[in-house]
PDB file of N, CA and C in Angstrom:
ATOM      1  N   SER A   1      69.151 158.918 106.014  1.00  0.00           N
ATOM      2  CA  SER A   1      69.141 157.484 106.297  1.00  0.00           C
ATOM      3  C   SER A   1      68.170 156.786 105.337  1.00  0.00           C
ATOM      4  N   LEU A   2      68.596 155.676 104.765  1.00  0.00           N
ATOM      5  CA  LEU A   2      67.768 154.951 103.808  1.00  0.00           C
ATOM      6  C   LEU A   2      66.780 153.999 104.462  1.00  0.00           C
ATOM      7  N   GLY A   3      66.919 153.721 105.738  1.00  0.00           N
ATOM      8  CA  GLY A   3      66.030 152.770 106.389  1.00  0.00           C
ATOM      9  C   GLY A   3      66.581 151.365 106.291  1.00  0.00           C
ATOM     10  N   SER A   4      65.824 150.412 106.824  1.00  0.00           N
ATOM     11  CA  SER A   4      66.320 149.036 106.788  1.00  0.00           C
ATOM     12  C   SER A   4      65.182 148.043 106.850  1.00  0.00           C
ATOM     13  N   ALA A   5      65.511 146.799 106.504  1.00  0.00           N
ATOM     14  CA  ALA A   5      64.559 145.697 106.581  1.00  0.00           C
ATOM     15  C   ALA A   5      65.235 144.488 107.203  1.00  0.00           C
ATOM     16  N   LYS A   6      66.190 144.714 108.108  1.00  0.00           N
ATOM     17  CA  LYS A   6      66.896 143.609 108.751  1.00  0.00           C
ATOM     18  C   LYS A   6      65.946 142.856 109.663  1.00  0.00           C
ATOM     19  N   GLY A   7      66.117 141.541 109.726  1.00  0.00           N
ATOM     20  CA  GLY A   7      65.315 140.762 110.646  1.00  0.00           C
ATOM     21  C   GLY A   7      64.836 139.464 110.051  1.00  0.00           C
ATOM     22  N   PHE A   8      63.925 138.847 110.729  1.00  0.00           N
ATOM     23  CA  PHE A   8      63.409 137.525 110.429  1.00  0.00           C
ATOM     24  C   PHE A   8      62.088 137.643 109.680  1.00  0.00           C
ATOM     25  N   SER A   9      61.922 136.862 108.616  1.00  0.00           N
ATOM     26  CA  SER A   9      60.660 136.820 107.865  1.00  0.00           C
ATOM     27  C   SER A   9      60.057 135.432 108.015  1.00  0.00           C
ATOM     28  N   PRO A  10      59.137 135.252 108.957  1.00  0.00           N
ATOM     29  CA  PRO A  10      58.618 133.910 109.227  1.00  0.00           C
ATOM     30  C   PRO A  10      57.674 133.397 108.144  1.00  0.00           C
ATOM     31  N   ARG A  11      57.755 132.100 107.902  1.00  0.00           N
ATOM     32  CA  ARG A  11      56.821 131.403 107.008  1.00  0.00           C
ATOM     33  C   ARG A  11      56.322 130.179 107.771  1.00  0.00           C
ATOM     34  N   ILE A  12      55.019 129.990 107.765  1.00  0.00           N
ATOM     35  CA  ILE A  12      54.443 128.797 108.363  1.00  0.00           C
ATOM     36  C   ILE A  12      53.806 127.985 107.241  1.00  0.00           C
ATOM     37  N   SER A  13      54.026 126.689 107.288  1.00  0.00           N
ATOM     38  CA  SER A  13      53.555 125.820 106.217  1.00  0.00           C
ATOM     39  C   SER A  13      53.053 124.513 106.815  1.00  0.00           C
ATOM     40  N   ALA A  14      51.998 123.984 106.235  1.00  0.00           N
ATOM     41  CA  ALA A  14      51.471 122.679 106.642  1.00  0.00           C
ATOM     42  C   ALA A  14      51.056 121.938 105.383  1.00  0.00           C
ATOM     43  N   GLY A  15      51.217 120.629 105.420  1.00  0.00           N
ATOM     44  CA  GLY A  15      50.892 119.885 104.207  1.00  0.00           C
ATOM     45  C   GLY A  15      50.595 118.428 104.457  1.00  0.00           C
ATOM     46  N   TYR A  16      50.498 117.717 103.358  1.00  0.00           N
ATOM     47  CA  TYR A  16      50.151 116.302 103.383  1.00  0.00           C
ATOM     48  C   TYR A  16      51.008 115.577 102.357  1.00  0.00           C
ATOM     49  N   ARG A  17      51.511 114.408 102.729  1.00  0.00           N
ATOM     50  CA  ARG A  17      52.360 113.609 101.848  1.00  0.00           C
ATOM     51  C   ARG A  17      51.602 112.373 101.370  1.00  0.00           C
ATOM     52  N   ILE A  18      51.715 112.096 100.062  1.00  0.00           N
ATOM     53  CA  ILE A  18      51.213 110.855  99.470  1.00  0.00           C
ATOM     54  C   ILE A  18      52.398 110.240  98.735  1.00  0.00           C
ATOM     55  N   ASN A  19      53.000 109.217  99.323  1.00  0.00           N
ATOM     56  CA  ASN A  19      54.210 108.587  98.791  1.00  0.00           C
ATOM     57  C   ASN A  19      55.304 109.640  98.611  1.00  0.00           C
ATOM     58  N   ASP A  20      55.783 109.879  97.393  1.00  0.00           N
ATOM     59  CA  ASP A  20      56.858 110.848  97.169  1.00  0.00           C
ATOM     60  C   ASP A  20      56.353 112.236  96.781  1.00  0.00           C
ATOM     61  N   LEU A  21      55.048 112.470  96.881  1.00  0.00           N
ATOM     62  CA  LEU A  21      54.456 113.750  96.499  1.00  0.00           C
ATOM     63  C   LEU A  21      53.898 114.451  97.737  1.00  0.00           C
ATOM     64  N   ARG A  22      54.262 115.733  97.894  1.00  0.00           N
ATOM     65  CA  ARG A  22      53.759 116.535  99.011  1.00  0.00           C
ATOM     66  C   ARG A  22      52.913 117.680  98.480  1.00  0.00           C
ATOM     67  N   PHE A  23      51.874 118.021  99.228  1.00  0.00           N
ATOM     68  CA  PHE A  23      51.041 119.190  98.958  1.00  0.00           C
ATOM     69  C   PHE A  23      51.072 120.048 100.212  1.00  0.00           C
ATOM     70  N   ALA A  24      51.237 121.350 100.051  1.00  0.00           N
ATOM     71  CA  ALA A  24      51.348 122.224 101.218  1.00  0.00           C
ATOM     72  C   ALA A  24      50.695 123.570 100.948  1.00  0.00           C
ATOM     73  N   VAL A  25      50.253 124.209 102.030  1.00  0.00           N
ATOM     74  CA  VAL A  25      49.793 125.593 102.002  1.00  0.00           C
ATOM     75  C   VAL A  25      50.680 126.368 102.975  1.00  0.00           C
ATOM     76  N   ASP A  26      50.898 127.646 102.690  1.00  0.00           N
ATOM     77  CA  ASP A  26      51.789 128.415 103.548  1.00  0.00           C
ATOM     78  C   ASP A  26      51.353 129.875 103.633  1.00  0.00           C
ATOM     79  N   TYR A  27      51.869 130.536 104.651  1.00  0.00           N
ATOM     80  CA  TYR A  27      51.663 131.969 104.860  1.00  0.00           C
ATOM     81  C   TYR A  27      53.019 132.574 105.222  1.00  0.00           C
ATOM     82  N   THR A  28      53.377 133.648 104.563  1.00  0.00           N
ATOM     83  CA  THR A  28      54.637 134.335 104.837  1.00  0.00           C
ATOM     84  C   THR A  28      54.360 135.805 105.118  1.00  0.00           C
ATOM     85  N   ARG A  29      54.966 136.303 106.157  1.00  0.00           N
ATOM     86  CA  ARG A  29      54.931 137.738 106.466  1.00  0.00           C
ATOM     87  C   ARG A  29      56.374 138.216 106.388  1.00  0.00           C
ATOM     88  N   TYR A  30      56.689 138.931 105.327  1.00  0.00           N
ATOM     89  CA  TYR A  30      58.050 139.410 105.136  1.00  0.00           C
ATOM     90  C   TYR A  30      58.333 140.579 106.063  1.00  0.00           C
ATOM     91  N   LYS A  31      59.582 140.724 106.427  1.00  0.00           N
ATOM     92  CA  LYS A  31      60.001 141.801 107.312  1.00  0.00           C
ATOM     93  C   LYS A  31      59.625 143.147 106.712  1.00  0.00           C
ATOM     94  N   ASN A  32      59.027 144.014 107.520  1.00  0.00           N
ATOM     95  CA  ASN A  32      58.647 145.356 107.071  1.00  0.00           C
ATOM     96  C   ASN A  32      59.889 146.188 106.772  1.00  0.00           C
ATOM     97  N   TYR A  33      59.800 146.999 105.734  1.00  0.00           N
ATOM     98  CA  TYR A  33      60.856 147.957 105.401  1.00  0.00           C
ATOM     99  C   TYR A  33      60.397 149.319 105.888  1.00  0.00           C
ATOM    100  N   LYS A  34      61.217 149.938 106.702  1.00  0.00           N
ATOM    101  CA  LYS A  34      60.856 151.253 107.237  1.00  0.00           C
ATOM    102  C   LYS A  34      61.947 152.262 106.899  1.00  0.00           C
ATOM    103  N   ALA A  35      61.520 153.406 106.453  1.00  0.00           N
ATOM    104  CA  ALA A  35      62.397 154.552 106.209  1.00  0.00           C
ATOM    105  C   ALA A  35      61.639 155.775 106.714  1.00  0.00           C
ATOM    106  N   PRO A  36      62.291 156.916 106.813  1.00  0.00           N
ATOM    107  CA  PRO A  36      61.565 158.103 107.276  1.00  0.00           C
ATOM    108  C   PRO A  36      60.300 158.347 106.450  1.00  0.00           C
ATOM    109  N   SER A  37      59.171 158.393 107.112  1.00  0.00           N
ATOM    110  CA  SER A  37      57.854 158.650 106.504  1.00  0.00           C
ATOM    111  C   SER A  37      57.410 157.582 105.516  1.00  0.00           C
ATOM    112  N   THR A  38      58.011 156.375 105.546  1.00  0.00           N
ATOM    113  CA  THR A  38      57.635 155.302 104.623  1.00  0.00           C
ATOM    114  C   THR A  38      57.575 153.974 105.365  1.00  0.00           C
ATOM    115  N   ASP A  39      56.545 153.196 105.081  1.00  0.00           N
ATOM    116  CA  ASP A  39      56.399 151.864 105.670  1.00  0.00           C
ATOM    117  C   ASP A  39      55.940 150.920 104.562  1.00  0.00           C
ATOM    118  N   PHE A  40      56.723 149.878 104.276  1.00  0.00           N
ATOM    119  CA  PHE A  40      56.411 148.919 103.219  1.00  0.00           C
ATOM    120  C   PHE A  40      56.169 147.556 103.846  1.00  0.00           C
ATOM    121  N   LYS A  41      55.046 146.905 103.490  1.00  0.00           N
ATOM    122  CA  LYS A  41      54.697 145.588 104.029  1.00  0.00           C
ATOM    123  C   LYS A  41      54.388 144.638 102.886  1.00  0.00           C
ATOM    124  N   LEU A  42      54.768 143.363 103.056  1.00  0.00           N
ATOM    125  CA  LEU A  42      54.511 142.340 102.047  1.00  0.00           C
ATOM    126  C   LEU A  42      54.094 141.050 102.738  1.00  0.00           C
ATOM    127  N   TYR A  43      52.968 140.487 102.285  1.00  0.00           N
ATOM    128  CA  TYR A  43      52.434 139.233 102.802  1.00  0.00           C
ATOM    129  C   TYR A  43      52.186 138.297 101.629  1.00  0.00           C
ATOM    130  N   SER A  44      52.233 136.988 101.875  1.00  0.00           N
ATOM    131  CA  SER A  44      52.007 136.027 100.803  1.00  0.00           C
ATOM    132  C   SER A  44      51.347 134.767 101.361  1.00  0.00           C
ATOM    133  N   ILE A  45      50.368 134.237 100.631  1.00  0.00           N
ATOM    134  CA  ILE A  45      49.832 132.911 100.923  1.00  0.00           C
ATOM    135  C   ILE A  45      50.040 132.086  99.657  1.00  0.00           C
ATOM    136  N   GLY A  46      50.270 130.792  99.841  1.00  0.00           N
ATOM    137  CA  GLY A  46      50.555 129.983  98.665  1.00  0.00           C
ATOM    138  C   GLY A  46      50.183 128.527  98.842  1.00  0.00           C
ATOM    139  N   ALA A  47      50.189 127.829  97.720  1.00  0.00           N
ATOM    140  CA  ALA A  47      49.958 126.386  97.685  1.00  0.00           C
ATOM    141  C   ALA A  47      51.053 125.773  96.823  1.00  0.00           C
ATOM    142  N   SER A  48      51.595 124.646  97.285  1.00  0.00           N
ATOM    143  CA  SER A  48      52.706 124.004  96.590  1.00  0.00           C
ATOM    144  C   SER A  48      52.433 122.535  96.345  1.00  0.00           C
ATOM    145  N   ALA A  49      53.011 122.037  95.260  1.00  0.00           N
ATOM    146  CA  ALA A  49      53.081 120.604  94.979  1.00  0.00           C
ATOM    147  C   ALA A  49      54.567 120.290  94.825  1.00  0.00           C
ATOM    148  N   ILE A  50      55.055 119.313  95.586  1.00  0.00           N
ATOM    149  CA  ILE A  50      56.488 119.029  95.647  1.00  0.00           C
ATOM    150  C   ILE A  50      56.722 117.535  95.477  1.00  0.00           C
ATOM    151  N   TYR A  51      57.669 117.176  94.610  1.00  0.00           N
ATOM    152  CA  TYR A  51      58.044 115.778  94.412  1.00  0.00           C
ATOM    153  C   TYR A  51      59.389 115.530  95.088  1.00  0.00           C
ATOM    154  N   ASP A  52      59.422 114.552  96.008  1.00  0.00           N
ATOM    155  CA  ASP A  52      60.649 114.151  96.689  1.00  0.00           C
ATOM    156  C   ASP A  52      61.275 112.970  95.959  1.00  0.00           C
ATOM    157  N   PHE A  53      62.558 113.073  95.643  1.00  0.00           N
ATOM    158  CA  PHE A  53      63.278 111.964  95.018  1.00  0.00           C
ATOM    159  C   PHE A  53      63.749 111.016  96.114  1.00  0.00           C
ATOM    160  N   ASP A  54      63.321 109.760  96.049  1.00  0.00           N
ATOM    161  CA  ASP A  54      63.633 108.771  97.084  1.00  0.00           C
ATOM    162  C   ASP A  54      65.092 108.346  96.978  1.00  0.00           C
ATOM    163  N   THR A  55      65.874 108.680  97.995  1.00  0.00           N
ATOM    164  CA  THR A  55      67.292 108.329  98.032  1.00  0.00           C
ATOM    165  C   THR A  55      67.577 107.226  99.045  1.00  0.00           C
ATOM    166  N   GLN A  56      66.537 106.699  99.680  1.00  0.00           N
ATOM    167  CA  GLN A  56      66.679 105.686 100.731  1.00  0.00           C
ATOM    168  C   GLN A  56      67.527 106.203 101.898  1.00  0.00           C
ATOM    169  N   SER A  57      67.478 107.515 102.128  1.00  0.00           N
ATOM    170  CA  SER A  57      68.180 108.122 103.257  1.00  0.00           C
ATOM    171  C   SER A  57      67.339 109.289 103.763  1.00  0.00           C
ATOM    172  N   PRO A  58      67.673 109.853 104.929  1.00  0.00           N
ATOM    173  CA  PRO A  58      66.904 110.994 105.441  1.00  0.00           C
ATOM    174  C   PRO A  58      67.033 112.259 104.581  1.00  0.00           C
ATOM    175  N   VAL A  59      68.083 112.348 103.767  1.00  0.00           N
ATOM    176  CA  VAL A  59      68.310 113.516 102.913  1.00  0.00           C
ATOM    177  C   VAL A  59      67.736 113.236 101.529  1.00  0.00           C
ATOM    178  N   LYS A  60      66.807 114.106 101.082  1.00  0.00           N
ATOM    179  CA  LYS A  60      66.140 113.907  99.790  1.00  0.00           C
ATOM    180  C   LYS A  60      66.081 115.211  99.002  1.00  0.00           C
ATOM    181  N   PRO A  61      66.542 115.197  97.747  1.00  0.00           N
ATOM    182  CA  PRO A  61      66.330 116.363  96.895  1.00  0.00           C
ATOM    183  C   PRO A  61      64.864 116.436  96.472  1.00  0.00           C
ATOM    184  N   TYR A  62      64.402 117.651  96.162  1.00  0.00           N
ATOM    185  CA  TYR A  62      63.011 117.809  95.728  1.00  0.00           C
ATOM    186  C   TYR A  62      62.891 118.872  94.646  1.00  0.00           C
ATOM    187  N   LEU A  63      61.812 118.755  93.869  1.00  0.00           N
ATOM    188  CA  LEU A  63      61.405 119.748  92.873  1.00  0.00           C
ATOM    189  C   LEU A  63      59.925 120.011  93.054  1.00  0.00           C
ATOM    190  N   GLY A  64      59.493 121.231  92.790  1.00  0.00           N
ATOM    191  CA  GLY A  64      58.079 121.525  92.941  1.00  0.00           C
ATOM    192  C   GLY A  64      57.684 122.834  92.294  1.00  0.00           C
ATOM    193  N   ALA A  65      56.425 123.170  92.479  1.00  0.00           N
ATOM    194  CA  ALA A  65      55.868 124.421  91.969  1.00  0.00           C
ATOM    195  C   ALA A  65      54.999 125.040  93.055  1.00  0.00           C
ATOM    196  N   ARG A  66      54.933 126.382  93.063  1.00  0.00           N
ATOM    197  CA  ARG A  66      54.145 127.110  94.062  1.00  0.00           C
ATOM    198  C   ARG A  66      53.327 128.188  93.366  1.00  0.00           C
ATOM    199  N   LEU A  67      52.059 128.245  93.705  1.00  0.00           N
ATOM    200  CA  LEU A  67      51.153 129.293  93.249  1.00  0.00           C
ATOM    201  C   LEU A  67      50.853 130.165  94.462  1.00  0.00           C
ATOM    202  N   SER A  68      50.966 131.490  94.298  1.00  0.00           N
ATOM    203  CA  SER A  68      50.794 132.360  95.461  1.00  0.00           C
ATOM    204  C   SER A  68      49.897 133.552  95.163  1.00  0.00           C
ATOM    205  N   LEU A  69      49.392 134.116  96.238  1.00  0.00           N
ATOM    206  CA  LEU A  69      48.654 135.373  96.223  1.00  0.00           C
ATOM    207  C   LEU A  69      49.442 136.316  97.128  1.00  0.00           C
ATOM    208  N   ASN A  70      49.896 137.434  96.582  1.00  0.00           N
ATOM    209  CA  ASN A  70      50.800 138.340  97.287  1.00  0.00           C
ATOM    210  C   ASN A  70      50.147 139.702  97.471  1.00  0.00           C
ATOM    211  N   ARG A  71      50.371 140.299  98.629  1.00  0.00           N
ATOM    212  CA  ARG A  71      49.796 141.612  98.941  1.00  0.00           C
ATOM    213  C   ARG A  71      50.922 142.533  99.396  1.00  0.00           C
ATOM    214  N   ALA A  72      51.090 143.631  98.701  1.00  0.00           N
ATOM    215  CA  ALA A  72      52.091 144.636  99.062  1.00  0.00           C
ATOM    216  C   ALA A  72      51.380 145.942  99.373  1.00  0.00           C
ATOM    217  N   SER A  73      51.852 146.632 100.400  1.00  0.00           N
ATOM    218  CA  SER A  73      51.285 147.942 100.726  1.00  0.00           C
ATOM    219  C   SER A  73      52.400 148.901 101.129  1.00  0.00           C
ATOM    220  N   VAL A  74      52.220 150.153 100.751  1.00  0.00           N
ATOM    221  CA  VAL A  74      53.172 151.209 101.073  1.00  0.00           C
ATOM    222  C   VAL A  74      52.402 152.358 101.702  1.00  0.00           C
ATOM    223  N   ASP A  75      52.859 152.790 102.865  1.00  0.00           N
ATOM    224  CA  ASP A  75      52.302 153.966 103.534  1.00  0.00           C
ATOM    225  C   ASP A  75      53.378 155.047 103.484  1.00  0.00           C
ATOM    226  N   LEU A  76      53.091 156.131 102.778  1.00  0.00           N
ATOM    227  CA  LEU A  76      54.069 157.205 102.595  1.00  0.00           C
ATOM    228  C   LEU A  76      53.918 158.315 103.626  1.00  0.00           C
ATOM    229  N   GLY A  77      53.154 158.041 104.652  1.00  0.00           N
ATOM    230  CA  GLY A  77      52.940 159.049 105.679  1.00  0.00           C
ATOM    231  C   GLY A  77      51.760 159.929 105.318  1.00  0.00           C
ATOM    232  N   GLY A  78      51.122 160.462 106.313  1.00  0.00           N
ATOM    233  CA  GLY A  78      49.948 161.294 106.052  1.00  0.00           C
ATOM    234  C   GLY A  78      48.833 160.464 105.445  1.00  0.00           C
ATOM    235  N   SER A  79      48.247 160.951 104.362  1.00  0.00           N
ATOM    236  CA  SER A  79      47.128 160.236 103.742  1.00  0.00           C
ATOM    237  C   SER A  79      47.541 159.497 102.470  1.00  0.00           C
ATOM    238  N   ASP A  80      48.829 159.483 102.132  1.00  0.00           N
ATOM    239  CA  ASP A  80      49.296 158.812 100.923  1.00  0.00           C
ATOM    240  C   ASP A  80      49.617 157.350 101.203  1.00  0.00           C
ATOM    241  N   SER A  81      48.929 156.460 100.487  1.00  0.00           N
ATOM    242  CA  SER A  81      49.212 155.035 100.620  1.00  0.00           C
ATOM    243  C   SER A  81      48.856 154.333  99.316  1.00  0.00           C
ATOM    244  N   PHE A  82      49.396 153.138  99.151  1.00  0.00           N
ATOM    245  CA  PHE A  82      49.187 152.360  97.941  1.00  0.00           C
ATOM    246  C   PHE A  82      49.251 150.891  98.315  1.00  0.00           C
ATOM    247  N   SER A  83      48.392 150.082  97.707  1.00  0.00           N
ATOM    248  CA  SER A  83      48.473 148.637  97.923  1.00  0.00           C
ATOM    249  C   SER A  83      48.101 147.920  96.634  1.00  0.00           C
ATOM    250  N   GLN A  84      48.642 146.720  96.489  1.00  0.00           N
ATOM    251  CA  GLN A  84      48.374 145.920  95.300  1.00  0.00           C
ATOM    252  C   GLN A  84      48.424 144.446  95.667  1.00  0.00           C
ATOM    253  N   THR A  85      47.522 143.679  95.046  1.00  0.00           N
ATOM    254  CA  THR A  85      47.493 142.228  95.208  1.00  0.00           C
ATOM    255  C   THR A  85      47.778 141.607  93.850  1.00  0.00           C
ATOM    256  N   SER A  86      48.647 140.607  93.836  1.00  0.00           N
ATOM    257  CA  SER A  86      48.982 139.941  92.582  1.00  0.00           C
ATOM    258  C   SER A  86      49.194 138.453  92.823  1.00  0.00           C
ATOM    259  N   THR A  87      49.143 137.692  91.754  1.00  0.00           N
ATOM    260  CA  THR A  87      49.410 136.259  91.839  1.00  0.00           C
ATOM    261  C   THR A  87      50.835 135.998  91.374  1.00  0.00           C
ATOM    262  N   GLY A  88      51.363 134.863  91.807  1.00  0.00           N
ATOM    263  CA  GLY A  88      52.712 134.483  91.416  1.00  0.00           C
ATOM    264  C   GLY A  88      52.800 132.989  91.192  1.00  0.00           C
ATOM    265  N   LEU A  89      53.749 132.593  90.378  1.00  0.00           N
ATOM    266  CA  LEU A  89      54.024 131.185  90.109  1.00  0.00           C
ATOM    267  C   LEU A  89      55.521 131.002  90.225  1.00  0.00           C
ATOM    268  N   GLY A  90      55.937 130.000  90.987  1.00  0.00           N
ATOM    269  CA  GLY A  90      57.364 129.787  91.183  1.00  0.00           C
ATOM    270  C   GLY A  90      57.742 128.324  91.111  1.00  0.00           C
ATOM    271  N   VAL A  91      59.018 128.102  90.880  1.00  0.00           N
ATOM    272  CA  VAL A  91      59.587 126.759  90.856  1.00  0.00           C
ATOM    273  C   VAL A  91      60.383 126.576  92.138  1.00  0.00           C
ATOM    274  N   LEU A  92      60.252 125.405  92.745  1.00  0.00           N
ATOM    275  CA  LEU A  92      60.960 125.086  93.979  1.00  0.00           C
ATOM    276  C   LEU A  92      61.985 123.994  93.709  1.00  0.00           C
ATOM    277  N   ALA A  93      63.139 124.104  94.324  1.00  0.00           N
ATOM    278  CA  ALA A  93      64.162 123.059  94.249  1.00  0.00           C
ATOM    279  C   ALA A  93      64.980 123.141  95.523  1.00  0.00           C
ATOM    280  N   GLY A  94      65.355 121.995  96.051  1.00  0.00           N
ATOM    281  CA  GLY A  94      66.144 122.002  97.268  1.00  0.00           C
ATOM    282  C   GLY A  94      66.372 120.614  97.795  1.00  0.00           C
ATOM    283  N   VAL A  95      66.736 120.573  99.068  1.00  0.00           N
ATOM    284  CA  VAL A  95      67.002 119.322  99.763  1.00  0.00           C
ATOM    285  C   VAL A  95      66.262 119.368 101.087  1.00  0.00           C
ATOM    286  N   SER A  96      65.597 118.277 101.432  1.00  0.00           N
ATOM    287  CA  SER A  96      64.928 118.187 102.732  1.00  0.00           C
ATOM    288  C   SER A  96      65.626 117.131 103.580  1.00  0.00           C
ATOM    289  N   TYR A  97      65.442 117.255 104.892  1.00  0.00           N
ATOM    290  CA  TYR A  97      66.012 116.294 105.837  1.00  0.00           C
ATOM    291  C   TYR A  97      64.887 115.779 106.717  1.00  0.00           C
ATOM    292  N   ALA A  98      64.715 114.456 106.762  1.00  0.00           N
ATOM    293  CA  ALA A  98      63.659 113.835 107.565  1.00  0.00           C
ATOM    294  C   ALA A  98      64.101 113.768 109.024  1.00  0.00           C
ATOM    295  N   VAL A  99      63.506 114.603 109.858  1.00  0.00           N
ATOM    296  CA  VAL A  99      63.795 114.606 111.287  1.00  0.00           C
ATOM    297  C   VAL A  99      63.118 113.410 111.944  1.00  0.00           C
ATOM    298  N   THR A 100      61.863 113.159 111.557  1.00  0.00           N
ATOM    299  CA  THR A 100      61.098 111.987 111.978  1.00  0.00           C
ATOM    300  C   THR A 100      60.378 111.480 110.728  1.00  0.00           C
ATOM    301  N   PRO A 101      59.704 110.332 110.806  1.00  0.00           N
ATOM    302  CA  PRO A 101      58.959 109.867 109.625  1.00  0.00           C
ATOM    303  C   PRO A 101      57.872 110.844 109.157  1.00  0.00           C
ATOM    304  N   ASN A 102      57.416 111.749 110.039  1.00  0.00           N
ATOM    305  CA  ASN A 102      56.345 112.682 109.678  1.00  0.00           C
ATOM    306  C   ASN A 102      56.760 114.146 109.626  1.00  0.00           C
ATOM    307  N   VAL A 103      58.035 114.450 109.867  1.00  0.00           N
ATOM    308  CA  VAL A 103      58.495 115.837 109.890  1.00  0.00           C
ATOM    309  C   VAL A 103      59.777 115.968 109.068  1.00  0.00           C
ATOM    310  N   ASP A 104      59.752 116.889 108.079  1.00  0.00           N
ATOM    311  CA  ASP A 104      60.927 117.191 107.258  1.00  0.00           C
ATOM    312  C   ASP A 104      61.314 118.650 107.451  1.00  0.00           C
ATOM    313  N   LEU A 105      62.607 118.923 107.410  1.00  0.00           N
ATOM    314  CA  LEU A 105      63.108 120.295 107.384  1.00  0.00           C
ATOM    315  C   LEU A 105      63.571 120.589 105.972  1.00  0.00           C
ATOM    316  N   ASP A 106      63.082 121.685 105.395  1.00  0.00           N
ATOM    317  CA  ASP A 106      63.481 122.087 104.035  1.00  0.00           C
ATOM    318  C   ASP A 106      64.418 123.269 104.116  1.00  0.00           C
TER     319      ASP A 106
END
């Protein structure tokens, strides 16, 4: 059996909006991958800057960038384990929907 990583990977994010620009911090805990005698875990914290294009409607396209700190660890059973921390830079693009004047779903 190869194992699996099926399931939900939650991300929590909070931020602040200044006109069409949003700043946010987030934490993600990715679903653990488990196989016989192996356990893989990945966590990430990040900061984003996002520009919302004003469409005069609740639906708005956006572009942004995210800087992250990522931690991966592998437990191979017994006393064998490995972990590494690295930084990442990513580009964000998508569409958000304004549920209320202060809450958007991305």
